[in-house]
Amino acid sequence: MTVSRRQARRQALFLLYQWDLSGQEIGSQYAGEIDPWARGVAEAVSEHAPELDVRITAASEGWTADRLGAVERSALRVAVHELMTHEVPAEVAINEAVAFTKRYASDDGARLVNGILGRIQREEAA
């Protein structure tokens, strides 16, 4: 199965959303073939979720990662992972996380995600 990186990232976000809500193994509830890149990102993020959540909480000005909705939390975890590993340009990681959150959660959630990722990006650049 060959999909675009954008489609694979959205698949990874969906896998993480299911994992976050169910606590079951990555992909166990997914119907269909999973892109290898999406699975790799989802597994890396789930493995390092506590560390990613510390970064998210530190940058969120009073919101702990566990108080965020599952969509916002999943989008933030993937984007923070991408910012830390430099897999994609920071603008791509942030824009994709904001777009995903806006589409599947809310405009307010998207603004929150954008603000948190902006702070983390500035920390990474410093």
PDB file of N, CA and C in Angstrom:
ATOM      1  N   MET A   1       0.844  -1.178   0.000  1.00  0.00           N
ATOM      2  CA  MET A   1       0.000   0.000   0.000  1.00  0.00           C
ATOM      3  C   MET A   1       0.888   1.239   0.000  1.00  0.00           C
ATOM      4  N   THR A   2       0.707   2.086  -0.989  1.00  0.00           N
ATOM      5  CA  THR A   2       1.464   3.320  -1.060  1.00  0.00           C
ATOM      6  C   THR A   2       0.513   4.499  -0.929  1.00  0.00           C
ATOM      7  N   VAL A   3       0.766   5.330   0.045  1.00  0.00           N
ATOM      8  CA  VAL A   3      -0.050   6.518   0.255  1.00  0.00           C
ATOM      9  C   VAL A   3       0.877   7.719   0.402  1.00  0.00           C
ATOM     10  N   SER A   4       0.314   8.901   0.256  1.00  0.00           N
ATOM     11  CA  SER A   4       1.111  10.108   0.443  1.00  0.00           C
ATOM     12  C   SER A   4       1.504  10.242   1.910  1.00  0.00           C
ATOM     13  N   ARG A   5       2.496  11.042   2.167  1.00  0.00           N
ATOM     14  CA  ARG A   5       2.934  11.270   3.551  1.00  0.00           C
ATOM     15  C   ARG A   5       1.798  11.893   4.360  1.00  0.00           C
ATOM     16  N   ARG A   6       1.012  12.777   3.742  1.00  0.00           N
ATOM     17  CA  ARG A   6      -0.114  13.395   4.448  1.00  0.00           C
ATOM     18  C   ARG A   6      -1.131  12.323   4.843  1.00  0.00           C
ATOM     19  N   GLN A   7      -1.457  11.423   3.926  1.00  0.00           N
ATOM     20  CA  GLN A   7      -2.396  10.346   4.235  1.00  0.00           C
ATOM     21  C   GLN A   7      -1.834   9.435   5.316  1.00  0.00           C
ATOM     22  N   ALA A   8      -0.544   9.145   5.251  1.00  0.00           N
ATOM     23  CA  ALA A   8       0.091   8.283   6.245  1.00  0.00           C
ATOM     24  C   ALA A   8       0.084   8.945   7.623  1.00  0.00           C
ATOM     25  N   ARG A   9       0.334  10.271   7.659  1.00  0.00           N
ATOM     26  CA  ARG A   9       0.321  10.972   8.939  1.00  0.00           C
ATOM     27  C   ARG A   9      -1.082  10.926   9.539  1.00  0.00           C
ATOM     28  N   ARG A  10      -2.088  11.125   8.719  1.00  0.00           N
ATOM     29  CA  ARG A  10      -3.471  11.073   9.223  1.00  0.00           C
ATOM     30  C   ARG A  10      -3.817   9.657   9.696  1.00  0.00           C
ATOM     31  N   GLN A  11      -3.293   8.661   9.005  1.00  0.00           N
ATOM     32  CA  GLN A  11      -3.510   7.285   9.451  1.00  0.00           C
ATOM     33  C   GLN A  11      -2.832   7.067  10.802  1.00  0.00           C
ATOM     34  N   ALA A  12      -1.613   7.590  10.965  1.00  0.00           N
ATOM     35  CA  ALA A  12      -0.911   7.468  12.253  1.00  0.00           C
ATOM     36  C   ALA A  12      -1.710   8.167  13.353  1.00  0.00           C
ATOM     37  N   LEU A  13      -2.249   9.342  13.050  1.00  0.00           N
ATOM     38  CA  LEU A  13      -3.057  10.064  14.033  1.00  0.00           C
ATOM     39  C   LEU A  13      -4.305   9.263  14.413  1.00  0.00           C
ATOM     40  N   PHE A  14      -4.934   8.653  13.434  1.00  0.00           N
ATOM     41  CA  PHE A  14      -6.123   7.842  13.708  1.00  0.00           C
ATOM     42  C   PHE A  14      -5.757   6.625  14.554  1.00  0.00           C
ATOM     43  N   LEU A  15      -4.646   5.975  14.230  1.00  0.00           N
ATOM     44  CA  LEU A  15      -4.193   4.827  15.018  1.00  0.00           C
ATOM     45  C   LEU A  15      -3.933   5.231  16.474  1.00  0.00           C
ATOM     46  N   LEU A  16      -3.294   6.368  16.651  1.00  0.00           N
ATOM     47  CA  LEU A  16      -3.000   6.844  18.006  1.00  0.00           C
ATOM     48  C   LEU A  16      -4.261   7.249  18.754  1.00  0.00           C
ATOM     49  N   TYR A  17      -5.204   7.834  18.054  1.00  0.00           N
ATOM     50  CA  TYR A  17      -6.477   8.195  18.662  1.00  0.00           C
ATOM     51  C   TYR A  17      -7.163   6.937  19.194  1.00  0.00           C
ATOM     52  N   GLN A  18      -7.218   5.887  18.369  1.00  0.00           N
ATOM     53  CA  GLN A  18      -7.830   4.618  18.812  1.00  0.00           C
ATOM     54  C   GLN A  18      -7.066   4.031  19.992  1.00  0.00           C
ATOM     55  N   TRP A  19      -5.747   4.065  19.919  1.00  0.00           N
ATOM     56  CA  TRP A  19      -4.905   3.525  20.996  1.00  0.00           C
ATOM     57  C   TRP A  19      -5.139   4.309  22.289  1.00  0.00           C
ATOM     58  N   ASP A  20      -5.202   5.629  22.173  1.00  0.00           N
ATOM     59  CA  ASP A  20      -5.391   6.483  23.342  1.00  0.00           C
ATOM     60  C   ASP A  20      -6.729   6.202  24.019  1.00  0.00           C
ATOM     61  N   LEU A  21      -7.761   6.012  23.235  1.00  0.00           N
ATOM     62  CA  LEU A  21      -9.092   5.768  23.804  1.00  0.00           C
ATOM     63  C   LEU A  21      -9.272   4.348  24.323  1.00  0.00           C
ATOM     64  N   SER A  22      -8.688   3.384  23.614  1.00  0.00           N
ATOM     65  CA  SER A  22      -8.942   1.982  23.957  1.00  0.00           C
ATOM     66  C   SER A  22      -7.863   1.344  24.826  1.00  0.00           C
ATOM     67  N   GLY A  23      -6.638   1.837  24.720  1.00  0.00           N
ATOM     68  CA  GLY A  23      -5.529   1.212  25.435  1.00  0.00           C
ATOM     69  C   GLY A  23      -5.069  -0.090  24.800  1.00  0.00           C
ATOM     70  N   GLN A  24      -5.644  -0.430  23.643  1.00  0.00           N
ATOM     71  CA  GLN A  24      -5.267  -1.663  22.952  1.00  0.00           C
ATOM     72  C   GLN A  24      -4.076  -1.419  22.029  1.00  0.00           C
ATOM     73  N   GLU A  25      -3.498  -2.489  21.575  1.00  0.00           N
ATOM     74  CA  GLU A  25      -2.338  -2.443  20.691  1.00  0.00           C
ATOM     75  C   GLU A  25      -2.615  -1.583  19.453  1.00  0.00           C
ATOM     76  N   ILE A  26      -1.587  -0.871  18.999  1.00  0.00           N
ATOM     77  CA  ILE A  26      -1.693  -0.034  17.797  1.00  0.00           C
ATOM     78  C   ILE A  26      -2.203  -0.880  16.636  1.00  0.00           C
ATOM     79  N   GLY A  27      -3.237  -0.391  15.985  1.00  0.00           N
ATOM     80  CA  GLY A  27      -3.766  -1.057  14.800  1.00  0.00           C
ATOM     81  C   GLY A  27      -4.737  -2.177  15.062  1.00  0.00           C
ATOM     82  N   SER A  28      -4.960  -2.532  16.316  1.00  0.00           N
ATOM     83  CA  SER A  28      -5.828  -3.667  16.598  1.00  0.00           C
ATOM     84  C   SER A  28      -7.284  -3.409  16.205  1.00  0.00           C
ATOM     85  N   GLN A  29      -7.671  -2.161  16.167  1.00  0.00           N
ATOM     86  CA  GLN A  29      -9.055  -1.828  15.822  1.00  0.00           C
ATOM     87  C   GLN A  29      -9.169  -1.235  14.424  1.00  0.00           C
ATOM     88  N   TYR A  30      -8.075  -1.184  13.692  1.00  0.00           N
ATOM     89  CA  TYR A  30      -8.070  -0.549  12.376  1.00  0.00           C
ATOM     90  C   TYR A  30      -8.483  -1.553  11.313  1.00  0.00           C
ATOM     91  N   ALA A  31      -9.441  -1.177  10.504  1.00  0.00           N
ATOM     92  CA  ALA A  31      -9.897  -2.047   9.413  1.00  0.00           C
ATOM     93  C   ALA A  31      -9.171  -1.638   8.136  1.00  0.00           C
ATOM     94  N   GLY A  32      -8.331  -2.487   7.637  1.00  0.00           N
ATOM     95  CA  GLY A  32      -7.598  -2.177   6.412  1.00  0.00           C
ATOM     96  C   GLY A  32      -6.105  -2.303   6.610  1.00  0.00           C
ATOM     97  N   GLU A  33      -5.413  -2.106   5.518  1.00  0.00           N
ATOM     98  CA  GLU A  33      -3.958  -2.208   5.528  1.00  0.00           C
ATOM     99  C   GLU A  33      -3.355  -0.930   6.110  1.00  0.00           C
ATOM    100  N   ILE A  34      -2.347  -1.087   6.933  1.00  0.00           N
ATOM    101  CA  ILE A  34      -1.706   0.058   7.577  1.00  0.00           C
ATOM    102  C   ILE A  34      -0.399   0.372   6.851  1.00  0.00           C
ATOM    103  N   ASP A  35      -0.244   1.637   6.496  1.00  0.00           N
ATOM    104  CA  ASP A  35       0.985   2.098   5.862  1.00  0.00           C
ATOM    105  C   ASP A  35       2.157   1.881   6.822  1.00  0.00           C
ATOM    106  N   PRO A  36       3.277   1.355   6.340  1.00  0.00           N
ATOM    107  CA  PRO A  36       4.419   1.094   7.229  1.00  0.00           C
ATOM    108  C   PRO A  36       4.943   2.352   7.933  1.00  0.00           C
ATOM    109  N   TRP A  37       4.984   3.476   7.229  1.00  0.00           N
ATOM    110  CA  TRP A  37       5.462   4.712   7.862  1.00  0.00           C
ATOM    111  C   TRP A  37       4.502   5.128   8.965  1.00  0.00           C
ATOM    112  N   ALA A  38       3.194   5.038   8.704  1.00  0.00           N
ATOM    113  CA  ALA A  38       2.187   5.399   9.707  1.00  0.00           C
ATOM    114  C   ALA A  38       2.314   4.520  10.944  1.00  0.00           C
ATOM    115  N   ARG A  39       2.498   3.218  10.739  1.00  0.00           N
ATOM    116  CA  ARG A  39       2.662   2.309  11.872  1.00  0.00           C
ATOM    117  C   ARG A  39       3.920   2.661  12.667  1.00  0.00           C
ATOM    118  N   GLY A  40       5.007   2.951  11.969  1.00  0.00           N
ATOM    119  CA  GLY A  40       6.253   3.303  12.655  1.00  0.00           C
ATOM    120  C   GLY A  40       6.113   4.549  13.507  1.00  0.00           C
ATOM    121  N   VAL A  41       5.461   5.578  12.958  1.00  0.00           N
ATOM    122  CA  VAL A  41       5.243   6.805  13.719  1.00  0.00           C
ATOM    123  C   VAL A  41       4.330   6.526  14.910  1.00  0.00           C
ATOM    124  N   ALA A  42       3.233   5.828  14.686  1.00  0.00           N
ATOM    125  CA  ALA A  42       2.291   5.539  15.770  1.00  0.00           C
ATOM    126  C   ALA A  42       2.969   4.733  16.880  1.00  0.00           C
ATOM    127  N   GLU A  43       3.767   3.745  16.513  1.00  0.00           N
ATOM    128  CA  GLU A  43       4.446   2.937  17.536  1.00  0.00           C
ATOM    129  C   GLU A  43       5.487   3.758  18.293  1.00  0.00           C
ATOM    130  N   ALA A  44       6.242   4.607  17.585  1.00  0.00           N
ATOM    131  CA  ALA A  44       7.239   5.454  18.255  1.00  0.00           C
ATOM    132  C   ALA A  44       6.563   6.426  19.209  1.00  0.00           C
ATOM    133  N   VAL A  45       5.469   7.021  18.762  1.00  0.00           N
ATOM    134  CA  VAL A  45       4.753   7.973  19.610  1.00  0.00           C
ATOM    135  C   VAL A  45       4.149   7.269  20.822  1.00  0.00           C
ATOM    136  N   SER A  46       3.539   6.109  20.634  1.00  0.00           N
ATOM    137  CA  SER A  46       2.942   5.414  21.776  1.00  0.00           C
ATOM    138  C   SER A  46       4.012   4.978  22.773  1.00  0.00           C
ATOM    139  N   GLU A  47       5.164   4.583  22.262  1.00  0.00           N
ATOM    140  CA  GLU A  47       6.269   4.167  23.135  1.00  0.00           C
ATOM    141  C   GLU A  47       6.793   5.329  23.973  1.00  0.00           C
ATOM    142  N   HIS A  48       6.800   6.532  23.397  1.00  0.00           N
ATOM    143  CA  HIS A  48       7.363   7.698  24.078  1.00  0.00           C
ATOM    144  C   HIS A  48       6.287   8.677  24.559  1.00  0.00           C
ATOM    145  N   ALA A  49       5.043   8.226  24.631  1.00  0.00           N
ATOM    146  CA  ALA A  49       3.936   9.112  25.002  1.00  0.00           C
ATOM    147  C   ALA A  49       4.167   9.843  26.329  1.00  0.00           C
ATOM    148  N   PRO A  50       4.665   9.183  27.376  1.00  0.00           N
ATOM    149  CA  PRO A  50       4.873   9.921  28.633  1.00  0.00           C
ATOM    150  C   PRO A  50       5.871  11.076  28.476  1.00  0.00           C
ATOM    151  N   GLU A  51       6.942  10.854  27.734  1.00  0.00           N
ATOM    152  CA  GLU A  51       7.934  11.915  27.508  1.00  0.00           C
ATOM    153  C   GLU A  51       7.342  13.045  26.671  1.00  0.00           C
ATOM    154  N   LEU A  52       6.577  12.682  25.649  1.00  0.00           N
ATOM    155  CA  LEU A  52       5.933  13.689  24.802  1.00  0.00           C
ATOM    156  C   LEU A  52       4.932  14.499  25.616  1.00  0.00           C
ATOM    157  N   ASP A  53       4.194  13.822  26.498  1.00  0.00           N
ATOM    158  CA  ASP A  53       3.212  14.506  27.329  1.00  0.00           C
ATOM    159  C   ASP A  53       3.864  15.505  28.277  1.00  0.00           C
ATOM    160  N   VAL A  54       5.065  15.205  28.757  1.00  0.00           N
ATOM    161  CA  VAL A  54       5.794  16.148  29.607  1.00  0.00           C
ATOM    162  C   VAL A  54       6.093  17.421  28.814  1.00  0.00           C
ATOM    163  N   ARG A  55       6.541  17.268  27.574  1.00  0.00           N
ATOM    164  CA  ARG A  55       6.822  18.437  26.716  1.00  0.00           C
ATOM    165  C   ARG A  55       5.543  19.232  26.450  1.00  0.00           C
ATOM    166  N   ILE A  56       4.458  18.528  26.175  1.00  0.00           N
ATOM    167  CA  ILE A  56       3.181  19.181  25.884  1.00  0.00           C
ATOM    168  C   ILE A  56       2.692  19.945  27.116  1.00  0.00           C
ATOM    169  N   THR A  57       2.742  19.308  28.266  1.00  0.00           N
ATOM    170  CA  THR A  57       2.285  19.938  29.503  1.00  0.00           C
ATOM    171  C   THR A  57       3.119  21.164  29.825  1.00  0.00           C
ATOM    172  N   ALA A  58       4.431  21.078  29.658  1.00  0.00           N
ATOM    173  CA  ALA A  58       5.316  22.209  29.950  1.00  0.00           C
ATOM    174  C   ALA A  58       5.015  23.409  29.058  1.00  0.00           C
ATOM    175  N   ALA A  59       4.595  23.156  27.835  1.00  0.00           N
ATOM    176  CA  ALA A  59       4.345  24.240  26.880  1.00  0.00           C
ATOM    177  C   ALA A  59       2.896  24.717  26.864  1.00  0.00           C
ATOM    178  N   SER A  60       2.028  24.078  27.625  1.00  0.00           N
ATOM    179  CA  SER A  60       0.602  24.371  27.490  1.00  0.00           C
ATOM    180  C   SER A  60       0.052  25.402  28.460  1.00  0.00           C
ATOM    181  N   GLU A  61       0.878  25.947  29.318  1.00  0.00           N
ATOM    182  CA  GLU A  61       0.456  26.996  30.239  1.00  0.00           C
ATOM    183  C   GLU A  61      -0.793  26.612  31.038  1.00  0.00           C
ATOM    184  N   GLY A  62      -0.674  25.547  31.787  1.00  0.00           N
ATOM    185  CA  GLY A  62      -1.740  25.170  32.691  1.00  0.00           C
ATOM    186  C   GLY A  62      -2.580  23.980  32.263  1.00  0.00           C
ATOM    187  N   TRP A  63      -2.469  23.553  31.022  1.00  0.00           N
ATOM    188  CA  TRP A  63      -3.221  22.377  30.556  1.00  0.00           C
ATOM    189  C   TRP A  63      -2.302  21.172  30.602  1.00  0.00           C
ATOM    190  N   THR A  64      -2.639  20.186  31.389  1.00  0.00           N
ATOM    191  CA  THR A  64      -1.865  18.958  31.359  1.00  0.00           C
ATOM    192  C   THR A  64      -2.319  18.134  30.163  1.00  0.00           C
ATOM    193  N   ALA A  65      -1.435  17.336  29.637  1.00  0.00           N
ATOM    194  CA  ALA A  65      -1.752  16.543  28.447  1.00  0.00           C
ATOM    195  C   ALA A  65      -2.967  15.656  28.668  1.00  0.00           C
ATOM    196  N   ASP A  66      -3.154  15.158  29.883  1.00  0.00           N
ATOM    197  CA  ASP A  66      -4.295  14.273  30.130  1.00  0.00           C
ATOM    198  C   ASP A  66      -5.625  15.020  30.184  1.00  0.00           C
ATOM    199  N   ARG A  67      -5.614  16.345  30.250  1.00  0.00           N
ATOM    200  CA  ARG A  67      -6.851  17.135  30.223  1.00  0.00           C
ATOM    201  C   ARG A  67      -7.282  17.482  28.809  1.00  0.00           C
ATOM    202  N   LEU A  68      -6.404  17.280  27.847  1.00  0.00           N
ATOM    203  CA  LEU A  68      -6.735  17.560  26.454  1.00  0.00           C
ATOM    204  C   LEU A  68      -7.614  16.449  25.895  1.00  0.00           C
ATOM    205  N   GLY A  69      -8.368  16.758  24.867  1.00  0.00           N
ATOM    206  CA  GLY A  69      -9.141  15.732  24.191  1.00  0.00           C
ATOM    207  C   GLY A  69      -8.216  14.782  23.451  1.00  0.00           C
ATOM    208  N   ALA A  70      -8.718  13.596  23.151  1.00  0.00           N
ATOM    209  CA  ALA A  70      -7.891  12.578  22.491  1.00  0.00           C
ATOM    210  C   ALA A  70      -7.409  13.028  21.117  1.00  0.00           C
ATOM    211  N   VAL A  71      -8.225  13.778  20.381  1.00  0.00           N
ATOM    212  CA  VAL A  71      -7.788  14.273  19.072  1.00  0.00           C
ATOM    213  C   VAL A  71      -6.630  15.243  19.243  1.00  0.00           C
ATOM    214  N   GLU A  72      -6.799  16.224  20.128  1.00  0.00           N
ATOM    215  CA  GLU A  72      -5.750  17.206  20.362  1.00  0.00           C
ATOM    216  C   GLU A  72      -4.472  16.541  20.861  1.00  0.00           C
ATOM    217  N   ARG A  73      -4.637  15.631  21.813  1.00  0.00           N
ATOM    218  CA  ARG A  73      -3.470  14.949  22.392  1.00  0.00           C
ATOM    219  C   ARG A  73      -2.730  14.141  21.333  1.00  0.00           C
ATOM    220  N   SER A  74      -3.453  13.428  20.488  1.00  0.00           N
ATOM    221  CA  SER A  74      -2.814  12.627  19.433  1.00  0.00           C
ATOM    222  C   SER A  74      -2.104  13.514  18.427  1.00  0.00           C
ATOM    223  N   ALA A  75      -2.765  14.595  18.007  1.00  0.00           N
ATOM    224  CA  ALA A  75      -2.140  15.518  17.054  1.00  0.00           C
ATOM    225  C   ALA A  75      -0.880  16.145  17.645  1.00  0.00           C
ATOM    226  N   LEU A  76      -0.952  16.533  18.903  1.00  0.00           N
ATOM    227  CA  LEU A  76       0.223  17.122  19.565  1.00  0.00           C
ATOM    228  C   LEU A  76       1.353  16.111  19.696  1.00  0.00           C
ATOM    229  N   ARG A  77       1.038  14.904  20.086  1.00  0.00           N
ATOM    230  CA  ARG A  77       2.093  13.890  20.248  1.00  0.00           C
ATOM    231  C   ARG A  77       2.825  13.644  18.934  1.00  0.00           C
ATOM    232  N   VAL A  78       2.085  13.496  17.835  1.00  0.00           N
ATOM    233  CA  VAL A  78       2.729  13.259  16.538  1.00  0.00           C
ATOM    234  C   VAL A  78       3.579  14.465  16.155  1.00  0.00           C
ATOM    235  N   ALA A  79       3.034  15.660  16.300  1.00  0.00           N
ATOM    236  CA  ALA A  79       3.784  16.859  15.914  1.00  0.00           C
ATOM    237  C   ALA A  79       5.030  17.051  16.776  1.00  0.00           C
ATOM    238  N   VAL A  80       4.915  16.839  18.079  1.00  0.00           N
ATOM    239  CA  VAL A  80       6.092  16.979  18.952  1.00  0.00           C
ATOM    240  C   VAL A  80       7.142  15.937  18.576  1.00  0.00           C
ATOM    241  N   HIS A  81       6.704  14.725  18.301  1.00  0.00           N
ATOM    242  CA  HIS A  81       7.629  13.682  17.838  1.00  0.00           C
ATOM    243  C   HIS A  81       8.356  14.150  16.568  1.00  0.00           C
ATOM    244  N   GLU A  82       7.592  14.701  15.624  1.00  0.00           N
ATOM    245  CA  GLU A  82       8.208  15.171  14.380  1.00  0.00           C
ATOM    246  C   GLU A  82       9.135  16.358  14.618  1.00  0.00           C
ATOM    247  N   LEU A  83       8.777  17.251  15.526  1.00  0.00           N
ATOM    248  CA  LEU A  83       9.650  18.379  15.839  1.00  0.00           C
ATOM    249  C   LEU A  83      10.956  17.903  16.485  1.00  0.00           C
ATOM    250  N   MET A  84      10.855  16.908  17.347  1.00  0.00           N
ATOM    251  CA  MET A  84      12.043  16.416  18.052  1.00  0.00           C
ATOM    252  C   MET A  84      12.952  15.590  17.142  1.00  0.00           C
ATOM    253  N   THR A  85      12.363  14.851  16.217  1.00  0.00           N
ATOM    254  CA  THR A  85      13.168  13.994  15.341  1.00  0.00           C
ATOM    255  C   THR A  85      13.560  14.686  14.043  1.00  0.00           C
ATOM    256  N   HIS A  86      12.964  15.850  13.793  1.00  0.00           N
ATOM    257  CA  HIS A  86      13.239  16.618  12.568  1.00  0.00           C
ATOM    258  C   HIS A  86      12.939  15.813  11.308  1.00  0.00           C
ATOM    259  N   GLU A  87      11.909  14.949  11.370  1.00  0.00           N
ATOM    260  CA  GLU A  87      11.515  14.137  10.219  1.00  0.00           C
ATOM    261  C   GLU A  87      10.934  14.976   9.094  1.00  0.00           C
ATOM    262  N   VAL A  88      10.272  16.050   9.469  1.00  0.00           N
ATOM    263  CA  VAL A  88       9.671  16.953   8.488  1.00  0.00           C
ATOM    264  C   VAL A  88       9.959  18.382   8.936  1.00  0.00           C
ATOM    265  N   PRO A  89       9.839  19.345   8.034  1.00  0.00           N
ATOM    266  CA  PRO A  89       9.993  20.741   8.467  1.00  0.00           C
ATOM    267  C   PRO A  89       8.983  21.083   9.558  1.00  0.00           C
ATOM    268  N   ALA A  90       9.377  21.926  10.482  1.00  0.00           N
ATOM    269  CA  ALA A  90       8.512  22.295  11.608  1.00  0.00           C
ATOM    270  C   ALA A  90       7.169  22.824  11.129  1.00  0.00           C
ATOM    271  N   GLU A  91       7.172  23.608  10.066  1.00  0.00           N
ATOM    272  CA  GLU A  91       5.926  24.175   9.557  1.00  0.00           C
ATOM    273  C   GLU A  91       4.957  23.080   9.132  1.00  0.00           C
ATOM    274  N   VAL A  92       5.467  22.012   8.536  1.00  0.00           N
ATOM    275  CA  VAL A  92       4.619  20.905   8.096  1.00  0.00           C
ATOM    276  C   VAL A  92       4.024  20.201   9.316  1.00  0.00           C
ATOM    277  N   ALA A  93       4.849  19.902  10.300  1.00  0.00           N
ATOM    278  CA  ALA A  93       4.367  19.223  11.506  1.00  0.00           C
ATOM    279  C   ALA A  93       3.271  20.033  12.180  1.00  0.00           C
ATOM    280  N   ILE A  94       3.490  21.327  12.316  1.00  0.00           N
ATOM    281  CA  ILE A  94       2.520  22.187  12.992  1.00  0.00           C
ATOM    282  C   ILE A  94       1.252  22.340  12.153  1.00  0.00           C
ATOM    283  N   ASN A  95       1.404  22.641  10.875  1.00  0.00           N
ATOM    284  CA  ASN A  95       0.232  22.841  10.009  1.00  0.00           C
ATOM    285  C   ASN A  95      -0.636  21.594   9.937  1.00  0.00           C
ATOM    286  N   GLU A  96      -0.017  20.427   9.839  1.00  0.00           N
ATOM    287  CA  GLU A  96      -0.784  19.183   9.767  1.00  0.00           C
ATOM    288  C   GLU A  96      -1.523  18.909  11.073  1.00  0.00           C
ATOM    289  N   ALA A  97      -0.869  19.160  12.204  1.00  0.00           N
ATOM    290  CA  ALA A  97      -1.516  18.943  13.504  1.00  0.00           C
ATOM    291  C   ALA A  97      -2.700  19.887  13.682  1.00  0.00           C
ATOM    292  N   VAL A  98      -2.521  21.137  13.290  1.00  0.00           N
ATOM    293  CA  VAL A  98      -3.604  22.122  13.420  1.00  0.00           C
ATOM    294  C   VAL A  98      -4.760  21.752  12.495  1.00  0.00           C
ATOM    295  N   ALA A  99      -4.461  21.396  11.247  1.00  0.00           N
ATOM    296  CA  ALA A  99      -5.513  21.035  10.289  1.00  0.00           C
ATOM    297  C   ALA A  99      -6.283  19.800  10.756  1.00  0.00           C
ATOM    298  N   PHE A 100      -5.570  18.802  11.259  1.00  0.00           N
ATOM    299  CA  PHE A 100      -6.216  17.586  11.755  1.00  0.00           C
ATOM    300  C   PHE A 100      -7.144  17.911  12.928  1.00  0.00           C
ATOM    301  N   THR A 101      -6.655  18.719  13.847  1.00  0.00           N
ATOM    302  CA  THR A 101      -7.445  19.069  15.024  1.00  0.00           C
ATOM    303  C   THR A 101      -8.671  19.882  14.630  1.00  0.00           C
ATOM    304  N   LYS A 102      -8.486  20.821  13.725  1.00  0.00           N
ATOM    305  CA  LYS A 102      -9.609  21.639  13.279  1.00  0.00           C
ATOM    306  C   LYS A 102     -10.678  20.778  12.617  1.00  0.00           C
ATOM    307  N   ARG A 103     -10.237  19.817  11.808  1.00  0.00           N
ATOM    308  CA  ARG A 103     -11.183  18.969  11.085  1.00  0.00           C
ATOM    309  C   ARG A 103     -11.926  17.999  12.004  1.00  0.00           C
ATOM    310  N   TYR A 104     -11.202  17.398  12.953  1.00  0.00           N
ATOM    311  CA  TYR A 104     -11.790  16.327  13.760  1.00  0.00           C
ATOM    312  C   TYR A 104     -12.170  16.732  15.179  1.00  0.00           C
ATOM    313  N   ALA A 105     -11.812  17.946  15.594  1.00  0.00           N
ATOM    314  CA  ALA A 105     -12.182  18.397  16.945  1.00  0.00           C
ATOM    315  C   ALA A 105     -12.907  19.736  16.845  1.00  0.00           C
ATOM    316  N   SER A 106     -12.141  20.845  16.913  1.00  0.00           N
ATOM    317  CA  SER A 106     -12.777  22.165  16.891  1.00  0.00           C
ATOM    318  C   SER A 106     -11.771  23.243  16.540  1.00  0.00           C
ATOM    319  N   ASP A 107     -12.284  24.424  16.213  1.00  0.00           N
ATOM    320  CA  ASP A 107     -11.417  25.572  15.964  1.00  0.00           C
ATOM    321  C   ASP A 107     -10.644  25.950  17.229  1.00  0.00           C
ATOM    322  N   ASP A 108     -11.316  25.892  18.384  1.00  0.00           N
ATOM    323  CA  ASP A 108     -10.648  26.203  19.654  1.00  0.00           C
ATOM    324  C   ASP A 108      -9.517  25.209  19.926  1.00  0.00           C
ATOM    325  N   GLY A 109      -9.780  23.939  19.676  1.00  0.00           N
ATOM    326  CA  GLY A 109      -8.738  22.926  19.846  1.00  0.00           C
ATOM    327  C   GLY A 109      -7.567  23.178  18.918  1.00  0.00           C
ATOM    328  N   ALA A 110      -7.857  23.582  17.690  1.00  0.00           N
ATOM    329  CA  ALA A 110      -6.797  23.865  16.718  1.00  0.00           C
ATOM    330  C   ALA A 110      -5.945  25.051  17.172  1.00  0.00           C
ATOM    331  N   ARG A 111      -6.578  26.077  17.730  1.00  0.00           N
ATOM    332  CA  ARG A 111      -5.814  27.229  18.236  1.00  0.00           C
ATOM    333  C   ARG A 111      -4.936  26.809  19.410  1.00  0.00           C
ATOM    334  N   LEU A 112      -5.462  25.972  20.291  1.00  0.00           N
ATOM    335  CA  LEU A 112      -4.683  25.483  21.426  1.00  0.00           C
ATOM    336  C   LEU A 112      -3.475  24.682  20.939  1.00  0.00           C
ATOM    337  N   VAL A 113      -3.700  23.776  19.991  1.00  0.00           N
ATOM    338  CA  VAL A 113      -2.616  22.965  19.419  1.00  0.00           C
ATOM    339  C   VAL A 113      -1.567  23.867  18.781  1.00  0.00           C
ATOM    340  N   ASN A 114      -2.006  24.858  18.024  1.00  0.00           N
ATOM    341  CA  ASN A 114      -1.079  25.778  17.373  1.00  0.00           C
ATOM    342  C   ASN A 114      -0.221  26.523  18.395  1.00  0.00           C
ATOM    343  N   GLY A 115      -0.849  26.998  19.464  1.00  0.00           N
ATOM    344  CA  GLY A 115      -0.102  27.723  20.497  1.00  0.00           C
ATOM    345  C   GLY A 115       0.928  26.853  21.197  1.00  0.00           C
ATOM    346  N   ILE A 116       0.534  25.651  21.555  1.00  0.00           N
ATOM    347  CA  ILE A 116       1.454  24.730  22.241  1.00  0.00           C
ATOM    348  C   ILE A 116       2.630  24.381  21.327  1.00  0.00           C
ATOM    349  N   LEU A 117       2.333  24.053  20.075  1.00  0.00           N
ATOM    350  CA  LEU A 117       3.406  23.673  19.150  1.00  0.00           C
ATOM    351  C   LEU A 117       4.308  24.851  18.824  1.00  0.00           C
ATOM    352  N   GLY A 118       3.748  26.051  18.773  1.00  0.00           N
ATOM    353  CA  GLY A 118       4.580  27.242  18.557  1.00  0.00           C
ATOM    354  C   GLY A 118       5.595  27.419  19.672  1.00  0.00           C
ATOM    355  N   ARG A 119       5.161  27.216  20.909  1.00  0.00           N
ATOM    356  CA  ARG A 119       6.091  27.322  22.045  1.00  0.00           C
ATOM    357  C   ARG A 119       7.173  26.245  21.980  1.00  0.00           C
ATOM    358  N   ILE A 120       6.763  25.025  21.654  1.00  0.00           N
ATOM    359  CA  ILE A 120       7.743  23.934  21.566  1.00  0.00           C
ATOM    360  C   ILE A 120       8.723  24.186  20.423  1.00  0.00           C
ATOM    361  N   GLN A 121       8.238  24.682  19.298  1.00  0.00           N
ATOM    362  CA  GLN A 121       9.121  24.988  18.173  1.00  0.00           C
ATOM    363  C   GLN A 121      10.147  26.052  18.569  1.00  0.00           C
ATOM    364  N   ARG A 122       9.701  27.072  19.273  1.00  0.00           N
ATOM    365  CA  ARG A 122      10.643  28.125  19.705  1.00  0.00           C
ATOM    366  C   ARG A 122      11.686  27.559  20.657  1.00  0.00           C
ATOM    367  N   GLU A 123      11.281  26.649  21.553  1.00  0.00           N
ATOM    368  CA  GLU A 123      12.235  25.999  22.455  1.00  0.00           C
ATOM    369  C   GLU A 123      13.248  25.174  21.679  1.00  0.00           C
ATOM    370  N   GLU A 124      12.763  24.441  20.674  1.00  0.00           N
ATOM    371  CA  GLU A 124      13.653  23.611  19.851  1.00  0.00           C
ATOM    372  C   GLU A 124      14.663  24.469  19.092  1.00  0.00           C
ATOM    373  N   ALA A 125      14.215  25.644  18.636  1.00  0.00           N
ATOM    374  CA  ALA A 125      15.078  26.524  17.842  1.00  0.00           C
ATOM    375  C   ALA A 125      16.110  27.249  18.705  1.00  0.00           C
ATOM    376  N   ALA A 126      15.808  27.401  19.993  1.00  0.00           N
ATOM    377  CA  ALA A 126      16.715  28.150  20.893  1.00  0.00           C
ATOM    378  C   ALA A 126      17.955  27.365  21.243  1.00  0.00           C
TER     379      ALA A 126
END
